[in-house]
Structure formats: C-alpha cells, structure tokens
C-alpha cells in the first residue's frame, strides 16, 4: 500500500500549528490566573526603612511612611511603618491600630505579619489598612466617611506566638475615609 506523501505532510504541519496555538493559549491562561491571584492577595510584608522615608529611633520607635492616609470605604490601602526595637525583652513585633477618634470605640482593620527585630535595630512593615471596621480580625461594616485621628502601636514579645496586647510604643496619624 502506498501512502500519500502530501496528506502525511499536511497532518504533520496541522499538528505543529495546533500544538503552537495550544501552548500560546496555555501560557495566556496561566498568566491570567497568576495576575488574578496576585491582585486578590495583597499580602503584608517587610519593607526596607528607606522606603518608609523616616528612620525610627529609640526616641521615636514607630514611624509611618506618611502622616495621613486616605482610603475609600470598603477598600484597602497599603502603608509603610517603621519600628525600632529599644526593648530588652522583645524580639518579635507586629503593629496595630489601637483607637480612632469619632468612631465610638471602633477602629479600622489593619493586617500585619509579625517580624523579628534585634535590639537596637529597625525594620519596616508593609501593612494593609481597610476602610472597614475591625471585627475581631475580620472585615466588618464599612467605616463612615470623615476624618479621624488614629493611634498606631507596636506590640512585642519573645516569640512570634507570644506577642502581647500591651502597646510598647504608639504614634498618631490622620485617617480620611471617603465614599
């Protein structure tokens, strides 16, 4: 039996074309999914002190990258915070909002990962601040529009799991919530 060489060549070219198109679609699909997950997961992380702009010191152990933060209700904004370790008994730190004026005891949700900071050293935190109330570590009701003065504090402990609830240092900043 004799094979048709032209038909065999067409099958080979068609297979190659289909494989190239399939690989391109696979690459585009993977890129789309990766981009989608990157946008969904804004994870707080450590940043360098120069990115914050102001060096925290023993006299000013907690500093913000900006004096005020403007955020839309129900949205998230990232801000840099620097912490200087001047305490002997604390090596692990995290940051949180302790209070805000005009919110009746409520406060916005802030997400930060704990970090180890050696005595006499400074480190930066990149944190998420939400335009929603902190409902036990979850996003609660949206915050009302307005301008608030909030306290941000550094909390420390001897291990990642032993960070206490008592603020070691705090600093004020202006929080503007818009619709």
N, C-alpha and C. Protein backbone atom coordinates (compact mmCIF):
# COMPACT_ATOMS: atom_id res chain seq x y z
N UNK A 1 0.84 -1.15 0.00
CA UNK A 1 0.00 0.00 0.00
C UNK A 1 0.90 1.23 0.00
N UNK A 2 0.50 2.20 -0.77
CA UNK A 2 1.28 3.40 -0.92
C UNK A 2 0.65 4.56 -0.18
N UNK A 3 1.41 5.29 0.67
CA UNK A 3 0.88 6.44 1.40
C UNK A 3 0.98 7.69 0.55
N UNK A 4 0.01 8.54 0.72
CA UNK A 4 0.02 9.81 0.02
C UNK A 4 0.94 10.75 0.80
N UNK A 5 2.05 11.12 0.23
CA UNK A 5 3.04 11.96 0.93
C UNK A 5 2.50 13.35 1.23
N UNK A 6 1.68 13.89 0.36
CA UNK A 6 1.12 15.24 0.57
C UNK A 6 0.21 15.23 1.80
N UNK A 7 -0.61 14.19 1.94
CA UNK A 7 -1.51 14.09 3.10
C UNK A 7 -0.70 13.93 4.38
N UNK A 8 0.37 13.15 4.34
CA UNK A 8 1.20 12.96 5.52
C UNK A 8 1.84 14.26 5.95
N UNK A 9 2.27 15.07 5.01
CA UNK A 9 2.88 16.36 5.30
C UNK A 9 1.86 17.32 5.90
N UNK A 10 0.65 17.31 5.40
CA UNK A 10 -0.40 18.18 5.92
C UNK A 10 -0.74 17.82 7.36
N UNK A 11 -0.80 16.55 7.66
CA UNK A 11 -1.09 16.12 9.03
C UNK A 11 0.02 16.60 9.96
N UNK A 12 1.26 16.52 9.56
CA UNK A 12 2.39 16.97 10.37
C UNK A 12 2.36 18.48 10.59
N UNK A 13 2.07 19.27 9.57
CA UNK A 13 2.01 20.73 9.70
C UNK A 13 0.82 21.13 10.57
N UNK A 14 -0.33 20.49 10.34
CA UNK A 14 -1.51 20.80 11.17
C UNK A 14 -1.25 20.48 12.64
N UNK A 15 -0.58 19.39 12.92
CA UNK A 15 -0.26 19.02 14.30
C UNK A 15 0.65 20.07 14.94
N UNK A 16 1.64 20.51 14.21
CA UNK A 16 2.56 21.53 14.74
C UNK A 16 1.82 22.83 15.00
N UNK A 17 0.97 23.27 14.08
CA UNK A 17 0.19 24.51 14.25
C UNK A 17 -0.73 24.39 15.47
N UNK A 18 -1.40 23.27 15.61
CA UNK A 18 -2.28 23.07 16.76
C UNK A 18 -1.50 23.09 18.07
N UNK A 19 -0.34 22.45 18.10
CA UNK A 19 0.49 22.46 19.31
C UNK A 19 0.97 23.87 19.66
N UNK A 20 1.37 24.66 18.67
CA UNK A 20 1.82 26.03 18.92
C UNK A 20 0.67 26.86 19.48
N UNK A 21 -0.52 26.76 18.88
CA UNK A 21 -1.68 27.52 19.37
C UNK A 21 -2.05 27.06 20.78
N UNK A 22 -2.01 25.77 21.04
CA UNK A 22 -2.33 25.26 22.38
C UNK A 22 -1.34 25.78 23.42
N UNK A 23 -0.07 25.82 23.09
CA UNK A 23 0.94 26.33 24.03
C UNK A 23 0.73 27.82 24.30
N UNK A 24 0.38 28.58 23.25
CA UNK A 24 0.12 30.01 23.45
C UNK A 24 -1.09 30.21 24.35
N UNK A 25 -2.16 29.47 24.12
CA UNK A 25 -3.35 29.59 24.97
C UNK A 25 -3.06 29.16 26.40
N UNK A 26 -2.28 28.12 26.58
CA UNK A 26 -1.90 27.68 27.92
C UNK A 26 -1.10 28.77 28.64
N UNK A 27 -0.14 29.37 27.95
CA UNK A 27 0.65 30.45 28.54
C UNK A 27 -0.21 31.65 28.91
N UNK A 28 -1.13 32.03 28.02
CA UNK A 28 -2.03 33.15 28.33
C UNK A 28 -2.93 32.82 29.52
N UNK A 29 -3.42 31.59 29.58
CA UNK A 29 -4.27 31.19 30.70
C UNK A 29 -3.53 31.21 32.02
N UNK A 30 -2.31 30.70 32.03
CA UNK A 30 -1.51 30.71 33.26
C UNK A 30 -1.20 32.14 33.68
N UNK A 31 -0.86 33.00 32.73
CA UNK A 31 -0.59 34.41 33.04
C UNK A 31 -1.81 35.11 33.60
N UNK A 32 -2.98 34.84 33.04
CA UNK A 32 -4.22 35.45 33.53
C UNK A 32 -4.52 35.02 34.96
N UNK A 33 -4.42 33.72 35.23
CA UNK A 33 -4.70 33.21 36.57
C UNK A 33 -3.70 33.76 37.58
N UNK A 34 -2.42 33.81 37.23
CA UNK A 34 -1.39 34.36 38.13
C UNK A 34 -1.67 35.83 38.43
N UNK A 35 -2.01 36.61 37.42
CA UNK A 35 -2.33 38.02 37.60
C UNK A 35 -3.56 38.18 38.50
N UNK A 36 -4.55 37.34 38.32
CA UNK A 36 -5.76 37.40 39.13
C UNK A 36 -5.45 37.14 40.60
N UNK A 37 -4.65 36.10 40.87
CA UNK A 37 -4.31 35.79 42.25
C UNK A 37 -3.39 36.85 42.86
N UNK A 38 -2.50 37.44 42.08
CA UNK A 38 -1.64 38.50 42.60
C UNK A 38 -2.46 39.70 43.05
N UNK A 39 -3.49 40.04 42.30
CA UNK A 39 -4.34 41.17 42.66
C UNK A 39 -5.20 40.86 43.87
N UNK A 40 -5.64 39.61 44.00
CA UNK A 40 -6.52 39.24 45.11
C UNK A 40 -5.77 39.14 46.43
N UNK A 41 -4.53 38.75 46.39
CA UNK A 41 -3.77 38.50 47.62
C UNK A 41 -2.74 39.58 47.86
N UNK A 42 -3.19 40.73 48.34
CA UNK A 42 -2.24 41.77 48.75
C UNK A 42 -1.75 41.37 50.13
N UNK A 43 -0.63 40.73 50.20
CA UNK A 43 -0.12 40.20 51.46
C UNK A 43 0.83 41.22 52.08
N UNK A 44 0.61 41.55 53.36
CA UNK A 44 1.54 42.44 54.03
C UNK A 44 2.91 41.78 54.15
N UNK A 45 3.96 42.57 54.12
CA UNK A 45 5.31 42.01 54.17
C UNK A 45 6.26 43.04 54.76
N UNK A 46 7.49 42.64 54.90
CA UNK A 46 8.53 43.54 55.40
C UNK A 46 9.05 44.39 54.25
N UNK A 47 9.35 45.65 54.55
CA UNK A 47 9.95 46.54 53.56
C UNK A 47 11.16 47.19 54.19
N UNK A 48 11.99 47.78 53.36
CA UNK A 48 13.19 48.41 53.88
C UNK A 48 12.87 49.79 54.45
N UNK A 49 13.67 50.22 55.41
CA UNK A 49 13.46 51.52 56.06
C UNK A 49 13.54 52.68 55.07
N UNK A 50 14.45 52.69 54.08
CA UNK A 50 14.46 53.81 53.14
C UNK A 50 13.15 54.00 52.38
N UNK A 51 12.39 52.91 52.18
CA UNK A 51 11.10 53.04 51.52
C UNK A 51 10.09 53.79 52.39
N UNK A 52 10.29 53.76 53.70
CA UNK A 52 9.39 54.47 54.61
C UNK A 52 9.70 55.95 54.60
N UNK A 53 10.97 56.30 54.45
CA UNK A 53 11.36 57.70 54.34
C UNK A 53 11.88 58.30 55.62
N UNK A 54 11.46 57.80 56.77
CA UNK A 54 11.92 58.33 58.04
C UNK A 54 12.42 57.16 58.89
N UNK A 55 13.59 57.30 59.44
CA UNK A 55 14.21 56.24 60.24
C UNK A 55 13.63 56.25 61.65
N UNK A 56 13.07 55.11 62.12
CA UNK A 56 12.65 55.06 63.52
C UNK A 56 13.90 55.03 64.42
N UNK A 57 13.80 55.63 65.58
CA UNK A 57 14.92 55.72 66.52
C UNK A 57 14.45 55.31 67.91
N UNK A 58 15.36 55.29 68.87
CA UNK A 58 14.99 54.94 70.24
C UNK A 58 14.04 55.98 70.85
N UNK A 59 14.13 57.23 70.41
CA UNK A 59 13.21 58.26 70.92
C UNK A 59 11.90 58.31 70.13
N UNK A 60 11.89 57.79 68.93
CA UNK A 60 10.70 57.74 68.08
C UNK A 60 10.62 56.34 67.47
N UNK A 61 10.21 55.32 68.28
CA UNK A 61 10.35 53.94 67.84
C UNK A 61 9.34 53.45 66.79
N UNK A 62 8.31 54.23 66.51
CA UNK A 62 7.35 53.82 65.48
C UNK A 62 7.05 55.02 64.58
N UNK A 63 7.28 54.86 63.28
CA UNK A 63 7.06 55.94 62.33
C UNK A 63 6.26 55.40 61.14
N UNK A 64 5.49 56.29 60.54
CA UNK A 64 4.70 55.96 59.35
C UNK A 64 5.33 56.60 58.14
N UNK A 65 5.14 55.96 56.98
CA UNK A 65 5.68 56.49 55.74
C UNK A 65 5.00 57.79 55.36
N UNK A 66 3.81 58.00 55.84
CA UNK A 66 3.08 59.23 55.56
C UNK A 66 2.33 59.64 56.80
N UNK A 67 2.11 60.95 56.97
CA UNK A 67 1.44 61.42 58.18
C UNK A 67 -0.06 61.20 58.11
N UNK A 68 -0.60 61.07 56.91
CA UNK A 68 -2.03 60.84 56.76
C UNK A 68 -2.30 59.76 55.73
N UNK A 69 -3.44 59.13 55.87
CA UNK A 69 -3.83 58.06 54.96
C UNK A 69 -5.25 58.31 54.50
N UNK A 70 -5.45 58.31 53.19
CA UNK A 70 -6.78 58.48 52.63
C UNK A 70 -7.19 57.15 52.01
N UNK A 71 -8.38 56.70 52.37
CA UNK A 71 -8.85 55.39 51.92
C UNK A 71 -10.34 55.45 51.64
N UNK A 72 -10.78 54.71 50.65
CA UNK A 72 -12.20 54.63 50.35
C UNK A 72 -12.85 53.60 51.26
N UNK A 73 -14.09 53.87 51.64
CA UNK A 73 -14.84 52.93 52.44
C UNK A 73 -14.92 51.60 51.70
N UNK A 74 -14.74 50.51 52.40
CA UNK A 74 -14.74 49.13 51.87
C UNK A 74 -13.52 48.81 51.02
N UNK A 75 -12.50 49.65 50.99
CA UNK A 75 -11.30 49.40 50.19
C UNK A 75 -10.10 49.13 51.10
N UNK A 76 -8.97 48.80 50.48
CA UNK A 76 -7.75 48.53 51.23
C UNK A 76 -6.64 49.43 50.69
N UNK A 77 -5.79 49.91 51.59
CA UNK A 77 -4.65 50.75 51.22
C UNK A 77 -3.44 50.21 51.96
N UNK A 78 -2.28 50.24 51.30
CA UNK A 78 -1.06 49.78 51.96
C UNK A 78 -0.25 50.98 52.44
N UNK A 79 0.35 50.83 53.61
CA UNK A 79 1.16 51.89 54.20
C UNK A 79 2.40 51.25 54.82
N UNK A 80 3.51 51.97 54.77
CA UNK A 80 4.75 51.51 55.38
C UNK A 80 4.89 52.04 56.80
N UNK A 81 5.34 51.18 57.70
CA UNK A 81 5.52 51.55 59.10
C UNK A 81 6.89 51.04 59.54
N UNK A 82 7.67 51.89 60.18
CA UNK A 82 8.97 51.50 60.70
C UNK A 82 8.93 51.34 62.20
N UNK A 83 9.58 50.30 62.71
CA UNK A 83 9.64 50.04 64.15
C UNK A 83 11.10 49.85 64.55
N UNK A 84 11.50 50.52 65.64
CA UNK A 84 12.83 50.40 66.21
C UNK A 84 12.71 49.62 67.51
N UNK A 85 13.53 48.60 67.70
CA UNK A 85 13.49 47.79 68.92
C UNK A 85 14.44 48.38 69.95
N UNK A 86 13.87 49.00 70.97
CA UNK A 86 14.68 49.53 72.08
C UNK A 86 14.43 48.78 73.38
N UNK A 87 13.70 47.66 73.30
CA UNK A 87 13.33 46.91 74.48
C UNK A 87 14.18 45.65 74.61
N UNK A 88 14.56 45.31 75.86
CA UNK A 88 15.39 44.13 76.11
C UNK A 88 14.62 42.82 75.98
N UNK A 89 13.34 42.84 76.38
CA UNK A 89 12.59 41.60 76.46
C UNK A 89 11.71 41.33 75.24
N UNK A 90 11.84 42.11 74.18
CA UNK A 90 11.01 41.90 72.99
C UNK A 90 11.90 41.73 71.77
N UNK A 91 11.64 40.67 71.02
CA UNK A 91 12.37 40.45 69.78
C UNK A 91 11.44 40.25 68.59
N UNK A 92 10.17 39.96 68.85
CA UNK A 92 9.18 39.81 67.79
C UNK A 92 8.17 40.94 67.92
N UNK A 93 7.80 41.52 66.77
CA UNK A 93 6.91 42.68 66.78
C UNK A 93 5.82 42.55 65.72
N UNK A 94 4.73 43.22 65.99
CA UNK A 94 3.69 43.47 65.00
C UNK A 94 3.12 44.86 65.30
N UNK A 95 2.30 45.36 64.41
CA UNK A 95 1.70 46.68 64.59
C UNK A 95 0.19 46.56 64.47
N UNK A 96 -0.50 47.51 65.09
CA UNK A 96 -1.96 47.52 65.03
C UNK A 96 -2.51 48.89 65.36
N UNK A 97 -3.74 49.12 64.99
CA UNK A 97 -4.43 50.38 65.33
C UNK A 97 -5.13 50.15 66.65
N UNK A 98 -4.84 51.01 67.63
CA UNK A 98 -5.43 50.83 68.96
C UNK A 98 -6.70 51.63 69.16
N UNK A 99 -6.81 52.81 68.52
CA UNK A 99 -8.01 53.61 68.69
C UNK A 99 -8.08 54.69 67.61
N UNK A 100 -9.28 55.19 67.40
CA UNK A 100 -9.52 56.31 66.48
C UNK A 100 -10.59 57.22 67.08
N UNK A 101 -10.42 58.52 66.92
CA UNK A 101 -11.42 59.47 67.41
C UNK A 101 -12.66 59.39 66.54
N UNK A 102 -13.81 59.61 67.12
CA UNK A 102 -15.05 59.72 66.37
C UNK A 102 -15.64 58.42 65.86
N UNK A 103 -15.09 57.28 66.23
CA UNK A 103 -15.63 56.01 65.76
C UNK A 103 -16.30 55.22 66.88
N UNK A 104 -16.50 55.85 68.02
CA UNK A 104 -17.22 55.20 69.11
C UNK A 104 -16.60 53.90 69.58
N UNK A 105 -15.28 53.87 69.69
CA UNK A 105 -14.59 52.67 70.15
C UNK A 105 -14.23 51.70 69.03
N UNK A 106 -14.78 51.91 67.85
CA UNK A 106 -14.44 51.05 66.71
C UNK A 106 -13.12 51.52 66.11
N UNK A 107 -12.52 50.68 65.30
CA UNK A 107 -11.26 51.04 64.63
C UNK A 107 -11.19 50.30 63.30
N UNK A 108 -10.41 50.84 62.36
CA UNK A 108 -10.27 50.13 61.08
C UNK A 108 -9.43 48.87 61.23
N UNK A 109 -9.67 47.92 60.36
CA UNK A 109 -8.90 46.68 60.34
C UNK A 109 -7.53 46.94 59.74
N UNK A 110 -6.50 46.43 60.38
CA UNK A 110 -5.12 46.54 59.90
C UNK A 110 -4.53 45.13 59.91
N UNK A 111 -3.91 44.73 58.80
CA UNK A 111 -3.26 43.42 58.72
C UNK A 111 -1.75 43.62 58.63
N UNK A 112 -1.02 42.93 59.50
CA UNK A 112 0.44 42.98 59.50
C UNK A 112 0.97 41.63 59.92
N UNK A 113 2.08 41.24 59.33
CA UNK A 113 2.74 40.00 59.72
C UNK A 113 3.78 40.27 60.80
N UNK A 114 3.92 39.39 61.80
CA UNK A 114 4.95 39.59 62.82
C UNK A 114 6.35 39.46 62.23
N UNK A 115 7.29 40.19 62.83
CA UNK A 115 8.68 40.16 62.38
C UNK A 115 9.62 40.12 63.58
N UNK A 116 10.75 39.49 63.38
CA UNK A 116 11.81 39.52 64.38
C UNK A 116 12.68 40.74 64.13
N UNK A 117 12.90 41.53 65.19
CA UNK A 117 13.74 42.72 65.10
C UNK A 117 14.72 42.67 66.26
N UNK A 118 16.01 42.68 65.96
CA UNK A 118 17.03 42.63 67.00
C UNK A 118 17.09 43.92 67.81
N UNK A 119 17.57 43.81 69.05
CA UNK A 119 17.70 45.01 69.90
C UNK A 119 18.62 46.01 69.23
N UNK A 120 18.17 47.29 69.18
CA UNK A 120 18.95 48.35 68.56
C UNK A 120 18.82 48.39 67.04
N UNK A 121 17.93 47.58 66.47
CA UNK A 121 17.73 47.55 65.03
C UNK A 121 16.32 48.04 64.68
N UNK A 122 16.16 48.43 63.42
CA UNK A 122 14.86 48.87 62.93
C UNK A 122 14.45 48.01 61.74
N UNK A 123 13.15 47.89 61.55
CA UNK A 123 12.63 47.14 60.41
C UNK A 123 11.35 47.81 59.95
N UNK A 124 11.01 47.56 58.68
CA UNK A 124 9.80 48.16 58.13
C UNK A 124 8.72 47.12 57.92
N UNK A 125 7.48 47.53 58.13
CA UNK A 125 6.31 46.69 57.88
C UNK A 125 5.53 47.32 56.73
N UNK A 126 5.04 46.50 55.83
CA UNK A 126 4.09 46.94 54.83
C UNK A 126 2.75 46.34 55.24
N UNK A 127 1.81 47.19 55.62
CA UNK A 127 0.55 46.70 56.20
C UNK A 127 -0.63 47.10 55.33
N UNK A 128 -1.70 46.33 55.42
CA UNK A 128 -2.95 46.64 54.77
C UNK A 128 -3.86 47.32 55.77
N UNK A 129 -4.41 48.49 55.40
CA UNK A 129 -5.40 49.18 56.22
C UNK A 129 -6.70 49.19 55.42
N UNK A 130 -7.76 48.68 56.03
CA UNK A 130 -9.05 48.56 55.36
C UNK A 130 -9.98 49.70 55.76
N UNK A 131 -10.87 50.06 54.87
CA UNK A 131 -11.92 51.04 55.16
C UNK A 131 -13.11 50.39 55.81
N UNK A 132 -12.88 49.26 56.48
CA UNK A 132 -13.91 48.54 57.21
C UNK A 132 -13.51 48.44 58.67
N UNK A 133 -14.51 48.30 59.55
CA UNK A 133 -14.22 48.16 60.97
C UNK A 133 -13.59 46.81 61.26
N UNK A 134 -12.72 46.79 62.27
CA UNK A 134 -12.09 45.56 62.75
C UNK A 134 -13.11 44.79 63.56
N UNK A 135 -13.51 43.65 63.05
CA UNK A 135 -14.50 42.81 63.73
C UNK A 135 -13.80 41.53 64.19
N UNK A 136 -12.90 41.68 65.14
CA UNK A 136 -12.16 40.53 65.64
C UNK A 136 -11.20 39.95 64.62
N UNK A 137 -10.52 40.81 63.86
CA UNK A 137 -9.58 40.36 62.85
C UNK A 137 -10.22 40.11 61.50
N UNK A 138 -11.51 40.34 61.38
CA UNK A 138 -12.23 40.20 60.11
C UNK A 138 -12.75 41.57 59.68
N UNK A 139 -13.04 41.69 58.38
CA UNK A 139 -13.60 42.94 57.89
C UNK A 139 -15.07 43.01 58.28
N UNK A 140 -15.41 44.05 59.04
CA UNK A 140 -16.79 44.25 59.45
C UNK A 140 -17.46 45.29 58.57
N UNK A 141 -18.33 46.05 59.16
CA UNK A 141 -19.08 47.08 58.44
C UNK A 141 -18.14 48.16 57.91
N UNK A 142 -18.49 48.79 56.78
CA UNK A 142 -17.65 49.89 56.26
C UNK A 142 -17.61 51.05 57.24
N UNK A 143 -16.47 51.73 57.29
CA UNK A 143 -16.34 52.92 58.14
C UNK A 143 -17.08 54.08 57.50
N UNK A 144 -17.61 54.97 58.35
CA UNK A 144 -18.30 56.15 57.84
C UNK A 144 -17.32 57.17 57.29
N UNK A 145 -17.79 57.95 56.34
CA UNK A 145 -16.93 58.98 55.75
C UNK A 145 -16.57 60.00 56.82
N UNK A 146 -15.35 60.51 56.73
CA UNK A 146 -14.91 61.52 57.68
C UNK A 146 -13.41 61.50 57.86
N UNK A 147 -12.93 62.37 58.73
CA UNK A 147 -11.52 62.47 59.05
C UNK A 147 -11.34 62.09 60.51
N UNK A 148 -10.44 61.16 60.77
CA UNK A 148 -10.22 60.64 62.11
C UNK A 148 -8.75 60.73 62.47
N UNK A 149 -8.48 60.83 63.75
CA UNK A 149 -7.12 60.74 64.26
C UNK A 149 -7.01 59.38 64.93
N UNK A 150 -6.05 58.59 64.45
CA UNK A 150 -5.90 57.22 64.95
C UNK A 150 -4.53 57.02 65.58
N UNK A 151 -4.46 56.08 66.50
CA UNK A 151 -3.19 55.66 67.11
C UNK A 151 -2.77 54.34 66.50
N UNK A 152 -1.53 54.29 66.05
CA UNK A 152 -0.95 53.03 65.60
C UNK A 152 0.10 52.65 66.63
N UNK A 153 0.16 51.37 66.97
CA UNK A 153 1.05 50.95 68.05
C UNK A 153 1.87 49.74 67.64
N UNK A 154 3.03 49.61 68.29
CA UNK A 154 3.89 48.43 68.12
C UNK A 154 3.68 47.54 69.34
N UNK A 155 3.51 46.24 69.08
CA UNK A 155 3.35 45.25 70.12
C UNK A 155 4.50 44.27 70.01
N UNK A 156 5.02 43.83 71.16
CA UNK A 156 6.18 42.95 71.12
C UNK A 156 6.07 41.76 72.03
N UNK A 157 6.94 40.77 71.77
CA UNK A 157 7.01 39.57 72.59
C UNK A 157 8.32 38.85 72.34
N UNK A 158 8.51 37.74 73.05
CA UNK A 158 9.76 36.99 72.92
C UNK A 158 9.74 35.97 71.79
N UNK A 159 8.56 35.69 71.25
CA UNK A 159 8.45 34.78 70.10
C UNK A 159 7.29 35.23 69.23
N UNK A 160 7.20 34.64 68.06
CA UNK A 160 6.15 35.01 67.12
C UNK A 160 4.76 34.76 67.70
N UNK A 161 4.64 33.78 68.56
CA UNK A 161 3.34 33.43 69.14
C UNK A 161 3.09 34.07 70.51
N UNK A 162 4.07 34.80 71.05
CA UNK A 162 3.89 35.38 72.38
C UNK A 162 3.79 36.90 72.35
N UNK A 163 3.42 37.48 71.22
CA UNK A 163 3.30 38.93 71.13
C UNK A 163 2.11 39.37 71.99
N UNK A 164 2.37 40.30 72.89
CA UNK A 164 1.36 40.73 73.85
C UNK A 164 0.36 41.73 73.30
N UNK A 165 -0.62 42.06 74.15
CA UNK A 165 -1.67 43.01 73.78
C UNK A 165 -1.36 44.43 74.25
N UNK A 166 -0.31 44.59 75.05
CA UNK A 166 0.04 45.91 75.55
C UNK A 166 0.98 46.61 74.57
N UNK A 167 0.60 47.83 74.19
CA UNK A 167 1.40 48.60 73.23
C UNK A 167 2.72 49.03 73.87
N UNK A 168 3.82 48.80 73.15
CA UNK A 168 5.14 49.25 73.60
C UNK A 168 5.40 50.69 73.19
N UNK A 169 4.88 51.09 72.04
CA UNK A 169 5.05 52.45 71.54
C UNK A 169 3.88 52.75 70.62
N UNK A 170 3.52 54.02 70.48
CA UNK A 170 2.43 54.39 69.59
C UNK A 170 2.72 55.72 68.91
N UNK A 171 1.99 55.95 67.84
CA UNK A 171 2.13 57.18 67.08
C UNK A 171 0.77 57.51 66.49
N UNK A 172 0.50 58.79 66.29
CA UNK A 172 -0.78 59.21 65.72
C UNK A 172 -0.65 59.46 64.22
N UNK A 173 -1.77 59.24 63.51
CA UNK A 173 -1.84 59.59 62.10
C UNK A 173 -3.26 59.98 61.76
N UNK A 174 -3.39 60.70 60.66
CA UNK A 174 -4.72 61.15 60.21
C UNK A 174 -5.25 60.14 59.20
N UNK A 175 -6.49 59.70 59.42
CA UNK A 175 -7.16 58.76 58.53
C UNK A 175 -8.37 59.44 57.92
N UNK A 176 -8.40 59.53 56.60
CA UNK A 176 -9.52 60.13 55.87
C UNK A 176 -10.25 59.03 55.14
N UNK A 177 -11.55 58.85 55.45
CA UNK A 177 -12.38 57.85 54.79
C UNK A 177 -13.30 58.59 53.81
N UNK A 178 -13.24 58.19 52.55
CA UNK A 178 -14.10 58.78 51.52
C UNK A 178 -15.05 57.71 51.00
N UNK A 179 -16.11 58.15 50.33
CA UNK A 179 -17.11 57.22 49.78
C UNK A 179 -16.66 56.60 48.59
